[in-house]
Amino acid sequence: MFCYQCEQTAEGKACTNFGVCGKNPDVSALQDLLIYMLSGLSQLALEGQKVGIKDEQLNLFICESAFATLTNVNFDPKTLTDYINKSVKLRDVLREKVRTAGGYVEFHGPVDMLLEKTEEDLIRQGKEVGINADYSKEPDLHGLHWLLIYGIKGVAAYTYHAYRLGKQDDKVFEFIQQGLAATLDKSLGVDDFFDLALKCGEINIKAMELLDAGNTEAYGHPVPTQVPLGHRKGKAILVSGHDLKDLDEILKQSQGKGIYVYSHGEMLPAHAYPKLKKYSHFFSHYGTAWQNQQKEFANFPGAILMTTNCIQKPAENYKGNLFTSGPVGWPGVTHLECSDLKCVDFSPVIEKALEMSGFTQDKEEKTVTV
């Protein structure tokens, strides 16, 4: 294992035995294999565009899958294996479509790679294509190669969020695929990857603009808001992560059920959006930063939903109350799927909240302004 995609790596260098985020070597290898397969899928997608083949759902799959490999998103080997297997199915279908349309498909690497059937063998294959697999590259080239990959993961995250809110731009999808495909092109040098890294920053701004437009059109422009940090007597749901769409759905589906909904971690700014503030049961912010969740979640007497980011290894005393959505995953934690990436049925979260004790009394604390 070798991972240095976040600023919290061991000794400020890299995690080589076990990730400080909770990622183990097997998960790391599966994530590397998934990125490798997405790079091959991107090669075919770009060739398909040349012969008139476009697939919005393929574009979105590449984004969601890349997002799943970001820090603190998905630690579930089964889910990652499912992403890998789906990438192979999509690859094979797309390769035939492109070939039939007269496009070029004679790539070597992930486009013609035969994947093993078992998780153990996929982990082995992941180690063969991971960050330390190609020792022939000079250090600067190698570093820029992975800088681009890590940047693309971030762009994919914003793009995924924006798409759920009805915002997309073909240029963003196309760059994600160009960047991933470039990592397989051995003719490219340091200058090429330097330019791609700069372009990635430019595209990332575009992706953030799309997300901002999606958020503000759906929920209004944020206004300064005082958010209480206490809690109210009653049943409770805690929502963490970044996905305002999932938060909105939780609020809609839990209306009138005697449940208060609390934000956690980086969901705090959600209180500033007018159309989310309208829900009277969206009460306050609970806890502090995402890295303190193991201690804080243990004391939360309700259901907990992790949306899109920032999950850590759950303690056994709250694991049964925890749910994930979107690309988030942890082994043994209930994951809530949706068919169209727009709406999720959160009734299991609501039912769990109603089963639990909730807060037994009010607790008033100071407020914070967002």
Protein backbone atom coordinates (compact mmCIF):
# COMPACT_ATOMS: atom_id res chain seq x y z
CA MET A 1 0.00 0.00 0.00
CA PHE A 2 1.14 3.52 -0.79
CA CYS A 3 -1.26 6.46 -0.51
CA TYR A 4 -0.51 10.17 -0.32
CA GLN A 5 -3.68 11.68 -1.67
CA CYS A 6 -4.54 13.67 1.48
CA GLU A 7 -2.72 16.10 3.77
CA GLN A 8 -3.01 13.78 6.78
CA THR A 9 -0.73 11.03 5.55
CA ALA A 10 1.61 9.35 8.00
CA GLU A 11 4.61 11.56 8.80
CA GLY A 12 3.46 13.93 6.07
CA LYS A 13 4.76 11.53 3.41
CA ALA A 14 2.49 8.58 2.71
CA CYS A 15 0.47 5.83 4.36
CA THR A 16 2.22 2.56 3.63
CA ASN A 17 0.80 0.09 6.15
CA PHE A 18 -2.66 1.41 6.99
CA GLY A 19 -4.31 4.69 6.11
CA VAL A 20 -4.81 7.27 8.84
CA CYS A 21 -8.30 7.61 7.34
CA GLY A 22 -9.02 3.97 8.07
CA LYS A 23 -8.26 2.60 4.61
CA ASN A 24 -6.60 -0.80 4.63
CA PRO A 25 -4.22 -2.18 1.96
CA ASP A 26 -6.93 -4.29 0.31
CA VAL A 27 -9.26 -1.31 -0.12
CA SER A 28 -6.35 0.77 -1.40
CA ALA A 29 -5.53 -1.84 -4.05
CA LEU A 30 -9.16 -2.09 -5.18
CA GLN A 31 -9.37 1.70 -5.47
CA ASP A 32 -6.21 1.75 -7.60
CA LEU A 33 -7.63 -0.97 -9.83
CA LEU A 34 -10.89 0.94 -10.20
CA ILE A 35 -9.03 4.11 -11.28
CA TYR A 36 -7.04 2.04 -13.78
CA MET A 37 -10.23 0.57 -15.27
CA LEU A 38 -11.87 4.01 -15.44
CA SER A 39 -8.84 5.24 -17.38
CA GLY A 40 -9.40 2.56 -20.01
CA LEU A 41 -13.12 3.26 -20.07
CA SER A 42 -12.24 6.91 -20.68
CA GLN A 43 -10.05 5.98 -23.65
CA LEU A 44 -13.02 4.26 -25.25
CA ALA A 45 -15.43 7.06 -24.34
CA LEU A 46 -13.21 9.62 -26.10
CA GLU A 47 -12.96 7.42 -29.18
CA GLY A 48 -16.71 6.94 -29.08
CA GLN A 49 -17.26 10.69 -29.21
CA LYS A 50 -15.29 10.79 -32.45
CA VAL A 51 -17.78 8.44 -34.08
CA GLY A 52 -20.90 9.98 -32.57
CA ILE A 53 -21.32 7.78 -29.50
CA LYS A 54 -22.22 9.66 -26.33
CA ASP A 55 -23.54 8.20 -23.11
CA GLU A 56 -24.55 10.48 -20.23
CA GLN A 57 -24.91 7.60 -17.79
CA LEU A 58 -21.40 6.39 -18.66
CA ASN A 59 -20.06 9.87 -17.96
CA LEU A 60 -21.80 9.88 -14.61
CA PHE A 61 -20.58 6.38 -13.72
CA ILE A 62 -16.98 7.48 -14.27
CA CYS A 63 -17.55 10.47 -11.97
CA GLU A 64 -19.27 8.53 -9.22
CA SER A 65 -16.69 5.74 -9.28
CA ALA A 66 -13.76 8.15 -9.16
CA PHE A 67 -15.49 9.97 -6.30
CA ALA A 68 -15.74 6.69 -4.40
CA THR A 69 -11.93 6.49 -4.29
CA LEU A 70 -11.49 9.84 -2.53
CA THR A 71 -10.37 9.95 1.10
CA ASN A 72 -13.08 9.05 3.63
CA VAL A 73 -15.69 8.07 1.06
CA ASN A 74 -15.82 4.33 0.43
CA PHE A 75 -14.04 1.66 2.44
CA ASP A 76 -16.23 -1.29 1.44
CA PRO A 77 -14.42 -3.94 -0.67
CA LYS A 78 -17.73 -5.34 -1.94
CA THR A 79 -18.93 -1.97 -3.23
CA LEU A 80 -15.57 -1.24 -4.86
CA THR A 81 -15.61 -4.68 -6.47
CA ASP A 82 -19.10 -3.95 -7.81
CA TYR A 83 -17.83 -0.69 -9.34
CA ILE A 84 -14.91 -2.57 -10.93
CA ASN A 85 -17.14 -5.29 -12.36
CA LYS A 86 -19.58 -2.73 -13.72
CA SER A 87 -16.70 -0.86 -15.36
CA VAL A 88 -15.78 -4.07 -17.19
CA LYS A 89 -19.34 -4.59 -18.43
CA LEU A 90 -19.58 -1.00 -19.62
CA ARG A 91 -16.15 -1.26 -21.24
CA ASP A 92 -17.03 -4.37 -23.21
CA VAL A 93 -20.32 -2.93 -24.46
CA LEU A 94 -18.74 0.40 -25.37
CA ARG A 95 -15.77 -1.23 -27.10
CA GLU A 96 -18.11 -3.14 -29.38
CA LYS A 97 -20.19 -0.05 -30.12
CA VAL A 98 -17.11 1.97 -31.02
CA ARG A 99 -15.69 -0.83 -33.15
CA THR A 100 -18.99 -1.22 -35.03
CA ALA A 101 -19.10 2.53 -35.65
CA GLY A 102 -15.60 2.43 -37.14
CA GLY A 103 -13.73 3.87 -34.17
CA TYR A 104 -10.34 2.83 -32.83
CA VAL A 105 -10.38 0.28 -30.00
CA GLU A 106 -7.01 -1.45 -30.21
CA PHE A 107 -5.74 -0.16 -26.88
CA HIS A 108 -3.63 -2.24 -24.54
CA GLY A 109 -3.93 -2.09 -20.78
CA PRO A 110 -7.29 -1.73 -19.07
CA VAL A 111 -9.19 -1.87 -22.38
CA ASP A 112 -8.12 -5.46 -23.03
CA MET A 113 -7.27 -6.52 -19.47
CA LEU A 114 -8.91 -9.69 -18.20
CA LEU A 115 -9.95 -9.28 -14.61
CA GLU A 116 -9.98 -12.08 -12.09
CA LYS A 117 -13.19 -13.31 -10.49
CA THR A 118 -12.41 -13.28 -6.79
CA GLU A 119 -11.89 -10.28 -4.55
CA GLU A 120 -8.52 -11.66 -3.46
CA ASP A 121 -7.30 -11.85 -7.06
CA LEU A 122 -8.66 -8.39 -7.87
CA ILE A 123 -6.66 -7.04 -4.94
CA ARG A 124 -3.54 -8.65 -6.38
CA GLN A 125 -4.24 -7.08 -9.78
CA GLY A 126 -4.80 -3.72 -8.12
CA LYS A 127 -1.33 -3.86 -6.60
CA GLU A 128 0.08 -4.44 -10.08
CA VAL A 129 -1.39 -1.19 -11.46
CA GLY A 130 -1.21 1.06 -8.40
CA ILE A 131 0.89 4.09 -7.64
CA ASN A 132 4.16 2.18 -7.25
CA ALA A 133 3.58 -0.19 -10.16
CA ASP A 134 5.45 1.87 -12.80
CA TYR A 135 8.99 2.45 -11.61
CA SER A 136 10.21 3.56 -15.02
CA LYS A 137 8.86 7.11 -14.75
CA GLU A 138 11.09 9.91 -13.58
CA PRO A 139 9.98 11.33 -10.22
CA ASP A 140 8.57 14.60 -11.61
CA LEU A 141 6.56 12.78 -14.25
CA HIS A 142 5.32 10.24 -11.74
CA GLY A 143 4.30 12.96 -9.29
CA LEU A 144 2.43 14.99 -11.92
CA HIS A 145 0.72 11.85 -13.15
CA TRP A 146 -0.81 11.24 -9.72
CA LEU A 147 -1.39 14.92 -9.02
CA LEU A 148 -3.65 14.87 -12.06
CA ILE A 149 -5.47 11.75 -10.86
CA TYR A 150 -6.07 13.22 -7.42
CA GLY A 151 -7.28 16.46 -8.97
CA ILE A 152 -9.68 14.57 -11.21
CA LYS A 153 -11.13 12.79 -8.19
CA GLY A 154 -12.02 16.18 -6.72
CA VAL A 155 -13.53 17.42 -9.98
CA ALA A 156 -15.56 14.20 -10.18
CA ALA A 157 -16.95 14.81 -6.69
CA TYR A 158 -18.21 18.31 -7.51
CA THR A 159 -19.54 17.09 -10.86
CA TYR A 160 -21.45 14.25 -9.22
CA HIS A 161 -23.07 16.62 -6.72
CA ALA A 162 -23.97 19.10 -9.44
CA TYR A 163 -25.51 16.41 -11.64
CA ARG A 164 -27.83 15.34 -8.83
CA LEU A 165 -29.13 18.92 -8.81
CA GLY A 166 -29.66 19.01 -12.56
CA LYS A 167 -26.44 20.77 -13.58
CA GLN A 168 -23.91 19.35 -16.01
CA ASP A 169 -21.45 20.41 -18.67
CA ASP A 170 -20.10 18.10 -21.35
CA LYS A 171 -16.76 19.91 -21.23
CA VAL A 172 -16.28 18.85 -17.62
CA PHE A 173 -17.10 15.22 -18.36
CA GLU A 174 -14.80 15.33 -21.37
CA PHE A 175 -11.85 16.68 -19.40
CA ILE A 176 -12.26 14.02 -16.70
CA GLN A 177 -12.01 11.40 -19.43
CA GLN A 178 -9.13 13.15 -21.19
CA GLY A 179 -7.18 13.35 -17.96
CA LEU A 180 -7.74 9.73 -17.01
CA ALA A 181 -6.89 8.54 -20.52
CA ALA A 182 -3.72 10.64 -20.48
CA THR A 183 -2.37 8.61 -17.58
CA LEU A 184 -2.13 5.65 -19.97
CA ASP A 185 -0.35 7.59 -22.73
CA LYS A 186 3.37 6.86 -22.46
CA SER A 187 4.20 9.49 -25.10
CA LEU A 188 3.31 12.32 -22.71
CA GLY A 189 6.03 14.03 -20.70
CA VAL A 190 6.42 16.37 -17.76
CA ASP A 191 5.30 19.46 -19.70
CA ASP A 192 2.17 17.68 -20.90
CA PHE A 193 1.15 16.61 -17.42
CA PHE A 194 1.98 20.02 -16.00
CA ASP A 195 -0.42 21.57 -18.52
CA LEU A 196 -3.06 18.96 -17.71
CA ALA A 197 -2.71 19.67 -13.99
CA LEU A 198 -3.28 23.38 -14.63
CA LYS A 199 -6.25 22.57 -16.86
CA CYS A 200 -7.63 20.39 -14.09
CA GLY A 201 -7.67 23.40 -11.76
CA GLU A 202 -9.49 25.44 -14.39
CA ILE A 203 -12.09 22.72 -14.94
CA ASN A 204 -12.51 22.32 -11.21
CA ILE A 205 -13.65 25.94 -10.97
CA LYS A 206 -16.22 25.20 -13.66
CA ALA A 207 -17.43 22.15 -11.74
CA MET A 208 -17.75 24.24 -8.56
CA GLU A 209 -19.73 26.85 -10.48
CA LEU A 210 -22.11 24.15 -11.64
CA LEU A 211 -22.55 22.93 -8.08
CA ASP A 212 -23.08 26.43 -6.76
CA ALA A 213 -25.72 27.05 -9.41
CA GLY A 214 -27.40 23.77 -8.56
CA ASN A 215 -27.45 24.52 -4.84
CA THR A 216 -28.66 28.11 -5.13
CA GLU A 217 -31.32 27.38 -7.75
CA ALA A 218 -32.66 24.52 -5.67
CA TYR A 219 -32.38 26.03 -2.20
CA GLY A 220 -31.88 29.80 -2.65
CA HIS A 221 -28.86 31.97 -2.02
CA PRO A 222 -27.36 31.46 1.46
CA VAL A 223 -27.92 34.24 3.97
CA PRO A 224 -26.15 34.82 7.31
CA THR A 225 -27.87 32.56 9.81
CA GLN A 226 -27.49 31.86 13.52
CA VAL A 227 -27.44 28.13 14.14
CA PRO A 228 -28.05 26.72 17.63
CA LEU A 229 -25.63 24.11 18.92
CA GLY A 230 -27.95 22.45 21.41
CA HIS A 231 -30.74 19.90 20.95
CA ARG A 232 -34.44 19.46 21.61
CA LYS A 233 -36.29 16.73 23.41
CA GLY A 234 -37.47 14.19 20.87
CA LYS A 235 -36.45 11.72 18.20
CA ALA A 236 -33.40 12.63 16.15
CA ILE A 237 -31.61 12.16 12.83
CA LEU A 238 -28.06 13.38 12.24
CA VAL A 239 -26.93 14.15 8.66
CA SER A 240 -23.25 14.50 7.84
CA GLY A 241 -21.24 14.89 4.65
CA HIS A 242 -21.93 17.36 1.84
CA ASP A 243 -24.99 16.28 -0.13
CA LEU A 244 -27.75 18.90 0.17
CA LYS A 245 -30.04 16.80 -2.04
CA ASP A 246 -30.01 13.96 0.47
CA LEU A 247 -30.48 16.38 3.36
CA ASP A 248 -33.48 17.90 1.58
CA GLU A 249 -34.98 14.46 1.04
CA ILE A 250 -34.48 13.51 4.68
CA LEU A 251 -36.23 16.72 5.72
CA LYS A 252 -39.14 16.13 3.33
CA GLN A 253 -39.61 12.50 4.28
CA SER A 254 -39.37 13.09 8.03
CA GLN A 255 -41.84 16.00 8.19
CA GLY A 256 -44.64 15.57 10.71
CA LYS A 257 -43.10 12.48 12.31
CA GLY A 258 -41.88 14.09 15.51
CA ILE A 259 -38.23 13.94 14.49
CA TYR A 260 -35.67 16.72 14.68
CA VAL A 261 -32.94 16.73 12.04
CA TYR A 262 -29.42 17.91 12.95
CA SER A 263 -26.46 18.73 10.74
CA HIS A 264 -22.97 17.50 11.48
CA GLY A 265 -19.47 18.40 10.34
CA GLU A 266 -19.30 20.07 6.94
CA MET A 267 -23.09 20.07 6.60
CA LEU A 268 -23.24 23.13 8.87
CA PRO A 269 -23.58 25.69 5.98
CA ALA A 270 -26.83 23.98 4.93
CA HIS A 271 -28.62 26.04 7.59
CA ALA A 272 -28.00 29.19 5.54
CA TYR A 273 -30.04 28.09 2.51
CA PRO A 274 -33.58 29.62 2.64
CA LYS A 275 -35.41 26.59 1.26
CA LEU A 276 -33.78 24.29 3.79
CA LYS A 277 -34.36 26.74 6.64
CA LYS A 278 -38.11 26.52 5.99
CA TYR A 279 -38.24 23.09 7.63
CA SER A 280 -39.07 23.77 11.26
CA HIS A 281 -37.65 20.41 12.35
CA PHE A 282 -34.22 21.21 10.86
CA PHE A 283 -33.11 22.40 14.25
CA SER A 284 -29.41 22.68 14.98
CA HIS A 285 -25.84 21.55 14.47
CA TYR A 286 -24.54 18.65 16.53
CA GLY A 287 -20.92 17.95 17.30
CA THR A 288 -17.78 19.42 15.86
CA ALA A 289 -15.50 18.39 12.98
CA TRP A 290 -15.84 15.17 11.01
CA GLN A 291 -12.68 13.68 12.52
CA ASN A 292 -14.35 13.63 15.95
CA GLN A 293 -17.29 11.55 14.78
CA GLN A 294 -16.35 8.33 16.56
CA LYS A 295 -16.65 9.97 19.96
CA GLU A 296 -19.61 12.20 19.11
CA PHE A 297 -21.70 9.66 17.21
CA ALA A 298 -21.53 7.29 20.18
CA ASN A 299 -23.51 9.84 22.20
CA PHE A 300 -26.12 10.64 19.54
CA PRO A 301 -29.43 8.94 20.46
CA GLY A 302 -30.81 8.66 16.94
CA ALA A 303 -30.15 7.54 13.36
CA ILE A 304 -27.09 8.86 11.51
CA LEU A 305 -26.74 9.34 7.75
CA MET A 306 -23.38 9.80 6.03
CA THR A 307 -23.74 11.45 2.62
CA THR A 308 -20.90 11.41 0.09
CA ASN A 309 -17.91 12.05 2.39
CA CYS A 310 -16.06 11.88 5.67
CA ILE A 311 -16.98 8.49 7.10
CA GLN A 312 -14.57 6.92 9.57
CA LYS A 313 -14.51 3.41 11.01
CA PRO A 314 -17.70 3.25 13.08
CA ALA A 315 -17.60 2.04 16.67
CA GLU A 316 -19.79 -0.96 17.44
CA ASN A 317 -21.96 1.07 19.83
CA TYR A 318 -23.43 3.11 16.96
CA LYS A 319 -22.69 1.07 13.83
CA GLY A 320 -26.24 -0.29 13.81
CA ASN A 321 -27.66 3.25 13.75
CA LEU A 322 -25.48 4.34 10.85
CA PHE A 323 -26.54 4.56 7.19
CA THR A 324 -24.72 5.61 4.02
CA SER A 325 -25.88 6.98 0.68
CA GLY A 326 -24.35 7.84 -2.69
CA PRO A 327 -20.78 6.60 -3.18
CA VAL A 328 -20.18 6.25 0.59
CA GLY A 329 -19.62 2.78 1.99
CA TRP A 330 -18.32 0.86 4.98
CA PRO A 331 -18.47 -2.93 5.45
CA GLY A 332 -21.52 -3.94 7.46
CA VAL A 333 -23.19 -0.52 7.37
CA THR A 334 -26.61 -0.27 5.69
CA HIS A 335 -26.33 1.48 2.34
CA LEU A 336 -29.36 3.16 0.79
CA GLU A 337 -29.49 2.94 -2.99
CA CYS A 338 -31.37 5.04 -5.50
CA SER A 339 -32.20 4.17 -9.07
CA ASP A 340 -31.76 7.55 -10.71
CA LEU A 341 -29.30 9.39 -8.42
CA LYS A 342 -32.01 11.93 -7.71
CA CYS A 343 -34.01 10.62 -4.75
CA VAL A 344 -33.43 8.03 -2.07
CA ASP A 345 -36.01 6.30 0.11
CA PHE A 346 -34.85 7.21 3.59
CA SER A 347 -37.59 5.31 5.41
CA PRO A 348 -35.03 2.95 7.05
CA VAL A 349 -33.31 6.00 8.59
CA ILE A 350 -36.62 7.40 9.78
CA GLU A 351 -37.74 4.06 11.20
CA LYS A 352 -34.47 3.67 13.08
CA ALA A 353 -34.81 7.18 14.52
CA LEU A 354 -38.34 6.39 15.73
CA GLU A 355 -37.12 3.18 17.37
CA MET A 356 -34.41 4.94 19.35
CA SER A 357 -34.79 7.01 22.50
CA GLY A 358 -33.92 10.39 21.02
CA PHE A 359 -32.98 13.23 23.34
CA THR A 360 -34.81 13.08 26.67
CA GLN A 361 -34.63 16.81 27.39
CA ASP A 362 -33.87 20.14 25.79
CA LYS A 363 -30.32 21.47 25.88
CA GLU A 364 -29.75 25.09 25.01
CA GLU A 365 -26.23 26.14 24.03
CA LYS A 366 -24.62 29.04 22.24
CA THR A 367 -25.19 29.69 18.57
CA VAL A 368 -22.79 29.96 15.66
CA THR A 369 -23.28 32.19 12.61
CA VAL A 370 -22.89 30.74 9.11
